[in-house]
PDB file of N, CA and C in Angstrom:
ATOM      1  N   MET A   1     -51.613 -12.886  28.664  1.00  0.00           N
ATOM      2  CA  MET A   1     -50.603 -11.856  28.561  1.00  0.00           C
ATOM      3  C   MET A   1     -51.083 -10.633  29.329  1.00  0.00           C
ATOM      4  N   ASN A   2     -50.182  -9.971  29.951  1.00  0.00           N
ATOM      5  CA  ASN A   2     -50.513  -8.822  30.768  1.00  0.00           C
ATOM      6  C   ASN A   2     -50.861  -7.631  29.876  1.00  0.00           C
ATOM      7  N   VAL A   3     -51.801  -6.823  30.302  1.00  0.00           N
ATOM      8  CA  VAL A   3     -52.270  -5.681  29.525  1.00  0.00           C
ATOM      9  C   VAL A   3     -51.165  -4.631  29.383  1.00  0.00           C
ATOM     10  N   LYS A   4     -50.285  -4.514  30.351  1.00  0.00           N
ATOM     11  CA  LYS A   4     -49.203  -3.529  30.277  1.00  0.00           C
ATOM     12  C   LYS A   4     -48.300  -3.817  29.069  1.00  0.00           C
ATOM     13  N   TYR A   5     -48.008  -5.080  28.827  1.00  0.00           N
ATOM     14  CA  TYR A   5     -47.156  -5.439  27.697  1.00  0.00           C
ATOM     15  C   TYR A   5     -47.826  -5.133  26.372  1.00  0.00           C
ATOM     16  N   LEU A   6     -49.113  -5.399  26.273  1.00  0.00           N
ATOM     17  CA  LEU A   6     -49.833  -5.122  25.031  1.00  0.00           C
ATOM     18  C   LEU A   6     -49.887  -3.630  24.738  1.00  0.00           C
ATOM     19  N   ALA A   7     -49.957  -2.808  25.750  1.00  0.00           N
ATOM     20  CA  ALA A   7     -50.004  -1.366  25.546  1.00  0.00           C
ATOM     21  C   ALA A   7     -48.640  -0.830  25.135  1.00  0.00           C
ATOM     22  N   ALA A   8     -47.578  -1.414  25.628  1.00  0.00           N
ATOM     23  CA  ALA A   8     -46.236  -0.922  25.322  1.00  0.00           C
ATOM     24  C   ALA A   8     -45.692  -1.461  24.004  1.00  0.00           C
ATOM     25  N   LEU A   9     -46.247  -2.545  23.495  1.00  0.00           N
ATOM     26  CA  LEU A   9     -45.743  -3.163  22.276  1.00  0.00           C
ATOM     27  C   LEU A   9     -45.779  -2.237  21.058  1.00  0.00           C
ATOM     28  N   PRO A  10     -46.881  -1.563  20.751  1.00  0.00           N
ATOM     29  CA  PRO A  10     -46.868  -0.658  19.584  1.00  0.00           C
ATOM     30  C   PRO A  10     -45.858   0.484  19.726  1.00  0.00           C
ATOM     31  N   ALA A  11     -45.687   0.977  20.932  1.00  0.00           N
ATOM     32  CA  ALA A  11     -44.720   2.057  21.136  1.00  0.00           C
ATOM     33  C   ALA A  11     -43.296   1.560  20.906  1.00  0.00           C
ATOM     34  N   ALA A  12     -42.992   0.350  21.331  1.00  0.00           N
ATOM     35  CA  ALA A  12     -41.659  -0.214  21.137  1.00  0.00           C
ATOM     36  C   ALA A  12     -41.383  -0.470  19.661  1.00  0.00           C
ATOM     37  N   VAL A  13     -42.361  -0.966  18.956  1.00  0.00           N
ATOM     38  CA  VAL A  13     -42.196  -1.228  17.522  1.00  0.00           C
ATOM     39  C   VAL A  13     -41.974   0.079  16.769  1.00  0.00           C
ATOM     40  N   MET A  14     -42.705   1.101  17.096  1.00  0.00           N
ATOM     41  CA  MET A  14     -42.557   2.391  16.419  1.00  0.00           C
ATOM     42  C   MET A  14     -41.215   3.041  16.753  1.00  0.00           C
ATOM     43  N   ALA A  15     -40.673   2.785  17.927  1.00  0.00           N
ATOM     44  CA  ALA A  15     -39.390   3.367  18.306  1.00  0.00           C
ATOM     45  C   ALA A  15     -38.237   2.691  17.573  1.00  0.00           C
ATOM     46  N   VAL A  16     -38.358   1.410  17.280  1.00  0.00           N
ATOM     47  CA  VAL A  16     -37.279   0.654  16.654  1.00  0.00           C
ATOM     48  C   VAL A  16     -37.375   0.682  15.131  1.00  0.00           C
ATOM     49  N   ALA A  17     -38.526   0.901  14.557  1.00  0.00           N
ATOM     50  CA  ALA A  17     -38.728   0.845  13.111  1.00  0.00           C
ATOM     51  C   ALA A  17     -37.828   1.807  12.332  1.00  0.00           C
ATOM     52  N   PRO A  18     -37.637   3.062  12.755  1.00  0.00           N
ATOM     53  CA  PRO A  18     -36.743   3.942  11.978  1.00  0.00           C
ATOM     54  C   PRO A  18     -35.294   3.470  11.953  1.00  0.00           C
ATOM     55  N   VAL A  19     -34.850   2.792  12.977  1.00  0.00           N
ATOM     56  CA  VAL A  19     -33.479   2.288  13.014  1.00  0.00           C
ATOM     57  C   VAL A  19     -33.276   1.259  11.920  1.00  0.00           C
ATOM     58  N   PHE A  20     -34.226   0.355  11.757  1.00  0.00           N
ATOM     59  CA  PHE A  20     -34.121  -0.665  10.715  1.00  0.00           C
ATOM     60  C   PHE A  20     -34.284  -0.062   9.329  1.00  0.00           C
ATOM     61  N   ALA A  21     -35.092   0.969   9.201  1.00  0.00           N
ATOM     62  CA  ALA A  21     -35.284   1.600   7.893  1.00  0.00           C
ATOM     63  C   ALA A  21     -34.005   2.280   7.426  1.00  0.00           C
ATOM     64  N   VAL A  22     -33.290   2.919   8.330  1.00  0.00           N
ATOM     65  CA  VAL A  22     -32.048   3.602   7.960  1.00  0.00           C
ATOM     66  C   VAL A  22     -30.925   2.596   7.744  1.00  0.00           C
ATOM     67  N   ALA A  23     -30.841   1.573   8.586  1.00  0.00           N
ATOM     68  CA  ALA A  23     -29.763   0.591   8.474  1.00  0.00           C
ATOM     69  C   ALA A  23     -29.933  -0.302   7.253  1.00  0.00           C
ATOM     70  N   GLY A  24     -31.138  -0.487   6.770  1.00  0.00           N
ATOM     71  CA  GLY A  24     -31.380  -1.392   5.660  1.00  0.00           C
ATOM     72  C   GLY A  24     -31.107  -0.795   4.297  1.00  0.00           C
ATOM     73  N   THR A  25     -31.032   0.521   4.199  1.00  0.00           N
ATOM     74  CA  THR A  25     -30.829   1.137   2.894  1.00  0.00           C
ATOM     75  C   THR A  25     -29.352   1.417   2.664  1.00  0.00           C
ATOM     76  N   PRO A  26     -28.805   0.969   1.543  1.00  0.00           N
ATOM     77  CA  PRO A  26     -27.394   1.247   1.265  1.00  0.00           C
ATOM     78  C   PRO A  26     -27.209   2.709   0.888  1.00  0.00           C
ATOM     79  N   SER A  27     -26.080   3.251   1.217  1.00  0.00           N
ATOM     80  CA  SER A  27     -25.810   4.642   0.876  1.00  0.00           C
ATOM     81  C   SER A  27     -25.513   4.755  -0.616  1.00  0.00           C
ATOM     82  N   ALA A  28     -25.607   5.943  -1.116  1.00  0.00           N
ATOM     83  CA  ALA A  28     -25.356   6.166  -2.542  1.00  0.00           C
ATOM     84  C   ALA A  28     -23.896   5.897  -2.886  1.00  0.00           C
ATOM     85  N   ALA A  29     -22.994   6.167  -1.956  1.00  0.00           N
ATOM     86  CA  ALA A  29     -21.576   5.928  -2.222  1.00  0.00           C
ATOM     87  C   ALA A  29     -21.266   4.444  -2.320  1.00  0.00           C
ATOM     88  N   ALA A  30     -21.954   3.629  -1.536  1.00  0.00           N
ATOM     89  CA  ALA A  30     -21.713   2.191  -1.569  1.00  0.00           C
ATOM     90  C   ALA A  30     -22.251   1.572  -2.857  1.00  0.00           C
ATOM     91  N   ALA A  31     -23.302   2.145  -3.415  1.00  0.00           N
ATOM     92  CA  ALA A  31     -23.911   1.581  -4.616  1.00  0.00           C
ATOM     93  C   ALA A  31     -23.175   2.008  -5.886  1.00  0.00           C
ATOM     94  N   ALA A  32     -22.450   3.098  -5.825  1.00  0.00           N
ATOM     95  CA  ALA A  32     -21.758   3.592  -7.011  1.00  0.00           C
ATOM     96  C   ALA A  32     -20.488   2.774  -7.268  1.00  0.00           C
ATOM     97  N   PRO A  33     -20.263   2.363  -8.506  1.00  0.00           N
ATOM     98  CA  PRO A  33     -19.051   1.585  -8.798  1.00  0.00           C
ATOM     99  C   PRO A  33     -17.797   2.457  -8.747  1.00  0.00           C
ATOM    100  N   ARG A  34     -16.703   1.851  -8.304  1.00  0.00           N
ATOM    101  CA  ARG A  34     -15.404   2.519  -8.318  1.00  0.00           C
ATOM    102  C   ARG A  34     -14.624   2.017  -9.520  1.00  0.00           C
ATOM    103  N   THR A  35     -13.802   2.872 -10.087  1.00  0.00           N
ATOM    104  CA  THR A  35     -12.997   2.514 -11.250  1.00  0.00           C
ATOM    105  C   THR A  35     -11.596   2.137 -10.776  1.00  0.00           C
ATOM    106  N   TYR A  36     -11.113   0.991 -11.268  1.00  0.00           N
ATOM    107  CA  TYR A  36      -9.781   0.496 -10.944  1.00  0.00           C
ATOM    108  C   TYR A  36      -8.994   0.291 -12.230  1.00  0.00           C
ATOM    109  N   VAL A  37      -7.701   0.555 -12.171  1.00  0.00           N
ATOM    110  CA  VAL A  37      -6.788   0.241 -13.276  1.00  0.00           C
ATOM    111  C   VAL A  37      -5.947  -0.937 -12.814  1.00  0.00           C
ATOM    112  N   CYS A  38      -5.976  -2.014 -13.593  1.00  0.00           N
ATOM    113  CA  CYS A  38      -5.310  -3.259 -13.192  1.00  0.00           C
ATOM    114  C   CYS A  38      -4.225  -3.652 -14.184  1.00  0.00           C
ATOM    115  N   THR A  39      -3.134  -4.185 -13.644  1.00  0.00           N
ATOM    116  CA  THR A  39      -2.039  -4.721 -14.444  1.00  0.00           C
ATOM    117  C   THR A  39      -1.735  -6.129 -13.956  1.00  0.00           C
ATOM    118  N   ALA A  40      -1.111  -6.917 -14.834  1.00  0.00           N
ATOM    119  CA  ALA A  40      -0.770  -8.298 -14.472  1.00  0.00           C
ATOM    120  C   ALA A  40       0.250  -8.848 -15.448  1.00  0.00           C
ATOM    121  N   GLU A  41       0.658 -10.089 -15.170  1.00  0.00           N
ATOM    122  CA  GLU A  41       1.576 -10.818 -16.046  1.00  0.00           C
ATOM    123  C   GLU A  41       0.906 -12.121 -16.486  1.00  0.00           C
ATOM    124  N   THR A  42       1.364 -12.633 -17.627  1.00  0.00           N
ATOM    125  CA  THR A  42       0.890 -13.932 -18.087  1.00  0.00           C
ATOM    126  C   THR A  42       1.571 -15.021 -17.280  1.00  0.00           C
ATOM    127  N   TRP A  43       1.163 -16.259 -17.510  1.00  0.00           N
ATOM    128  CA  TRP A  43       1.796 -17.385 -16.834  1.00  0.00           C
ATOM    129  C   TRP A  43       3.256 -17.529 -17.246  1.00  0.00           C
ATOM    130  N   GLY A  44       3.602 -16.997 -18.412  1.00  0.00           N
ATOM    131  CA  GLY A  44       4.984 -17.040 -18.882  1.00  0.00           C
ATOM    132  C   GLY A  44       5.832 -15.892 -18.362  1.00  0.00           C
ATOM    133  N   GLY A  45       5.222 -14.917 -17.690  1.00  0.00           N
ATOM    134  CA  GLY A  45       5.959 -13.792 -17.138  1.00  0.00           C
ATOM    135  C   GLY A  45       5.916 -12.532 -17.978  1.00  0.00           C
ATOM    136  N   ASP A  46       5.209 -12.561 -19.100  1.00  0.00           N
ATOM    137  CA  ASP A  46       5.109 -11.383 -19.959  1.00  0.00           C
ATOM    138  C   ASP A  46       4.060 -10.419 -19.400  1.00  0.00           C
ATOM    139  N   PRO A  47       4.321  -9.098 -19.444  1.00  0.00           N
ATOM    140  CA  PRO A  47       3.331  -8.134 -18.940  1.00  0.00           C
ATOM    141  C   PRO A  47       2.132  -8.039 -19.880  1.00  0.00           C
ATOM    142  N   LEU A  48       0.972  -7.861 -19.290  1.00  0.00           N
ATOM    143  CA  LEU A  48      -0.265  -7.677 -20.058  1.00  0.00           C
ATOM    144  C   LEU A  48      -0.620  -6.196 -20.081  1.00  0.00           C
ATOM    145  N   PRO A  49      -1.354  -5.761 -21.105  1.00  0.00           N
ATOM    146  CA  PRO A  49      -1.772  -4.353 -21.132  1.00  0.00           C
ATOM    147  C   PRO A  49      -2.735  -4.067 -19.968  1.00  0.00           C
ATOM    148  N   ALA A  50      -2.676  -2.852 -19.463  1.00  0.00           N
ATOM    149  CA  ALA A  50      -3.546  -2.462 -18.347  1.00  0.00           C
ATOM    150  C   ALA A  50      -5.004  -2.422 -18.801  1.00  0.00           C
ATOM    151  N   VAL A  51      -5.882  -2.800 -17.894  1.00  0.00           N
ATOM    152  CA  VAL A  51      -7.316  -2.725 -18.158  1.00  0.00           C
ATOM    153  C   VAL A  51      -7.960  -1.878 -17.077  1.00  0.00           C
ATOM    154  N   THR A  52      -9.075  -1.252 -17.441  1.00  0.00           N
ATOM    155  CA  THR A  52      -9.853  -0.453 -16.497  1.00  0.00           C
ATOM    156  C   THR A  52     -11.168  -1.180 -16.254  1.00  0.00           C
ATOM    157  N   VAL A  53     -11.493  -1.407 -14.986  1.00  0.00           N
ATOM    158  CA  VAL A  53     -12.726  -2.103 -14.616  1.00  0.00           C
ATOM    159  C   VAL A  53     -13.484  -1.274 -13.591  1.00  0.00           C
ATOM    160  N   GLU A  54     -14.790  -1.492 -13.522  1.00  0.00           N
ATOM    161  CA  GLU A  54     -15.641  -0.847 -12.527  1.00  0.00           C
ATOM    162  C   GLU A  54     -16.160  -1.922 -11.586  1.00  0.00           C
ATOM    163  N   ALA A  55     -15.847  -1.790 -10.315  1.00  0.00           N
ATOM    164  CA  ALA A  55     -16.289  -2.759  -9.308  1.00  0.00           C
ATOM    165  C   ALA A  55     -17.152  -2.051  -8.271  1.00  0.00           C
ATOM    166  N   ARG A  56     -18.285  -2.641  -7.964  1.00  0.00           N
ATOM    167  CA  ARG A  56     -19.183  -2.054  -6.970  1.00  0.00           C
ATOM    168  C   ARG A  56     -18.774  -2.393  -5.547  1.00  0.00           C
ATOM    169  N   LYS A  57     -18.144  -3.558  -5.356  1.00  0.00           N
ATOM    170  CA  LYS A  57     -17.899  -4.018  -3.991  1.00  0.00           C
ATOM    171  C   LYS A  57     -16.529  -3.640  -3.465  1.00  0.00           C
ATOM    172  N   ASN A  58     -15.464  -4.241  -3.991  1.00  0.00           N
ATOM    173  CA  ASN A  58     -14.146  -4.036  -3.391  1.00  0.00           C
ATOM    174  C   ASN A  58     -13.035  -4.392  -4.375  1.00  0.00           C
ATOM    175  N   LEU A  59     -11.826  -4.378  -3.861  1.00  0.00           N
ATOM    176  CA  LEU A  59     -10.644  -4.661  -4.679  1.00  0.00           C
ATOM    177  C   LEU A  59     -10.649  -6.092  -5.195  1.00  0.00           C
ATOM    178  N   ARG A  60     -11.124  -7.018  -4.389  1.00  0.00           N
ATOM    179  CA  ARG A  60     -11.159  -8.417  -4.828  1.00  0.00           C
ATOM    180  C   ARG A  60     -12.071  -8.595  -6.041  1.00  0.00           C
ATOM    181  N   GLN A  61     -13.195  -7.901  -6.044  1.00  0.00           N
ATOM    182  CA  GLN A  61     -14.085  -7.974  -7.191  1.00  0.00           C
ATOM    183  C   GLN A  61     -13.413  -7.367  -8.423  1.00  0.00           C
ATOM    184  N   ALA A  62     -12.668  -6.295  -8.226  1.00  0.00           N
ATOM    185  CA  ALA A  62     -11.960  -5.671  -9.350  1.00  0.00           C
ATOM    186  C   ALA A  62     -10.945  -6.636  -9.953  1.00  0.00           C
ATOM    187  N   LYS A  63     -10.229  -7.379  -9.102  1.00  0.00           N
ATOM    188  CA  LYS A  63      -9.270  -8.363  -9.608  1.00  0.00           C
ATOM    189  C   LYS A  63      -9.973  -9.454 -10.410  1.00  0.00           C
ATOM    190  N   GLY A  64     -11.101  -9.903  -9.939  1.00  0.00           N
ATOM    191  CA  GLY A  64     -11.854 -10.925 -10.665  1.00  0.00           C
ATOM    192  C   GLY A  64     -12.357 -10.424 -12.007  1.00  0.00           C
ATOM    193  N   LEU A  65     -12.819  -9.177 -12.039  1.00  0.00           N
ATOM    194  CA  LEU A  65     -13.278  -8.599 -13.307  1.00  0.00           C
ATOM    195  C   LEU A  65     -12.119  -8.421 -14.286  1.00  0.00           C
ATOM    196  N   ALA A  66     -10.964  -8.030 -13.761  1.00  0.00           N
ATOM    197  CA  ALA A  66      -9.794  -7.889 -14.629  1.00  0.00           C
ATOM    198  C   ALA A  66      -9.366  -9.241 -15.180  1.00  0.00           C
ATOM    199  N   GLN A  67      -9.446 -10.271 -14.363  1.00  0.00           N
ATOM    200  CA  GLN A  67      -9.100 -11.629 -14.811  1.00  0.00           C
ATOM    201  C   GLN A  67      -9.971 -12.038 -15.997  1.00  0.00           C
ATOM    202  N   THR A  68     -11.260 -11.709 -15.928  1.00  0.00           N
ATOM    203  CA  THR A  68     -12.137 -12.061 -17.046  1.00  0.00           C
ATOM    204  C   THR A  68     -11.864 -11.194 -18.271  1.00  0.00           C
ATOM    205  N   GLU A  69     -11.429  -9.961 -18.072  1.00  0.00           N
ATOM    206  CA  GLU A  69     -11.076  -9.112 -19.216  1.00  0.00           C
ATOM    207  C   GLU A  69      -9.892  -9.690 -19.983  1.00  0.00           C
ATOM    208  N   TRP A  70      -8.961 -10.279 -19.267  1.00  0.00           N
ATOM    209  CA  TRP A  70      -7.793 -10.883 -19.913  1.00  0.00           C
ATOM    210  C   TRP A  70      -8.086 -12.314 -20.366  1.00  0.00           C
ATOM    211  N   ARG A  71      -9.305 -12.765 -20.206  1.00  0.00           N
ATOM    212  CA  ARG A  71      -9.750 -14.097 -20.657  1.00  0.00           C
ATOM    213  C   ARG A  71      -8.966 -15.237 -20.021  1.00  0.00           C
ATOM    214  N   GLY A  72      -8.520 -15.054 -18.776  1.00  0.00           N
ATOM    215  CA  GLY A  72      -7.870 -16.130 -18.041  1.00  0.00           C
ATOM    216  C   GLY A  72      -6.404 -16.338 -18.333  1.00  0.00           C
ATOM    217  N   ILE A  73      -5.791 -15.476 -19.147  1.00  0.00           N
ATOM    218  CA  ILE A  73      -4.364 -15.683 -19.433  1.00  0.00           C
ATOM    219  C   ILE A  73      -3.471 -15.010 -18.389  1.00  0.00           C
ATOM    220  N   ALA A  74      -4.068 -14.219 -17.498  1.00  0.00           N
ATOM    221  CA  ALA A  74      -3.290 -13.552 -16.450  1.00  0.00           C
ATOM    222  C   ALA A  74      -3.155 -14.456 -15.237  1.00  0.00           C
ATOM    223  N   LYS A  75      -1.980 -14.456 -14.656  1.00  0.00           N
ATOM    224  CA  LYS A  75      -1.756 -15.192 -13.411  1.00  0.00           C
ATOM    225  C   LYS A  75      -2.377 -14.357 -12.290  1.00  0.00           C
ATOM    226  N   TYR A  76      -3.347 -14.940 -11.565  1.00  0.00           N
ATOM    227  CA  TYR A  76      -4.117 -14.186 -10.576  1.00  0.00           C
ATOM    228  C   TYR A  76      -3.231 -13.553  -9.506  1.00  0.00           C
ATOM    229  N   ALA A  77      -2.171 -14.228  -9.112  1.00  0.00           N
ATOM    230  CA  ALA A  77      -1.298 -13.719  -8.050  1.00  0.00           C
ATOM    231  C   ALA A  77      -0.557 -12.449  -8.479  1.00  0.00           C
ATOM    232  N   THR A  78      -0.461 -12.196  -9.777  1.00  0.00           N
ATOM    233  CA  THR A  78       0.273 -11.012 -10.239  1.00  0.00           C
ATOM    234  C   THR A  78      -0.641  -9.831 -10.532  1.00  0.00           C
ATOM    235  N   ILE A  79      -1.955  -9.995 -10.399  1.00  0.00           N
ATOM    236  CA  ILE A  79      -2.881  -8.899 -10.697  1.00  0.00           C
ATOM    237  C   ILE A  79      -2.803  -7.855  -9.591  1.00  0.00           C
ATOM    238  N   GLU A  80      -2.578  -6.620  -9.996  1.00  0.00           N
ATOM    239  CA  GLU A  80      -2.560  -5.499  -9.058  1.00  0.00           C
ATOM    240  C   GLU A  80      -3.501  -4.432  -9.580  1.00  0.00           C
ATOM    241  N   CYS A  81      -4.461  -4.040  -8.754  1.00  0.00           N
ATOM    242  CA  CYS A  81      -5.435  -3.031  -9.119  1.00  0.00           C
ATOM    243  C   CYS A  81      -5.305  -1.832  -8.189  1.00  0.00           C
ATOM    244  N   LYS A  82      -5.421  -0.662  -8.792  1.00  0.00           N
ATOM    245  CA  LYS A  82      -5.362   0.580  -8.016  1.00  0.00           C
ATOM    246  C   LYS A  82      -6.548   1.445  -8.388  1.00  0.00           C
ATOM    247  N   PRO A  83      -7.166   2.094  -7.399  1.00  0.00           N
ATOM    248  CA  PRO A  83      -8.277   3.005  -7.719  1.00  0.00           C
ATOM    249  C   PRO A  83      -7.796   4.158  -8.595  1.00  0.00           C
ATOM    250  N   SER A  84      -8.613   4.521  -9.539  1.00  0.00           N
ATOM    251  CA  SER A  84      -8.223   5.645 -10.401  1.00  0.00           C
ATOM    252  C   SER A  84      -9.117   6.833 -10.183  1.00  0.00           C
TER     253      SER A  84
END
């Protein structure tokens, strides 16, 4: 291996290391859960009481958490969640 490459390698690693350190850490806003209020209907078409769930990721996770709160009696296609 050429000596020029060996001399430049530590400098290149040190230049790129802060980029990976910043990109690898999640922001505080991304880690904080968001609160959603969800409504739905049963399989028979009856409305269910609204539930409040906290989801860290997104709206899809909030719908899944609401589904478990209703113990599976809610029709998934009718679940609507809104940030509160």
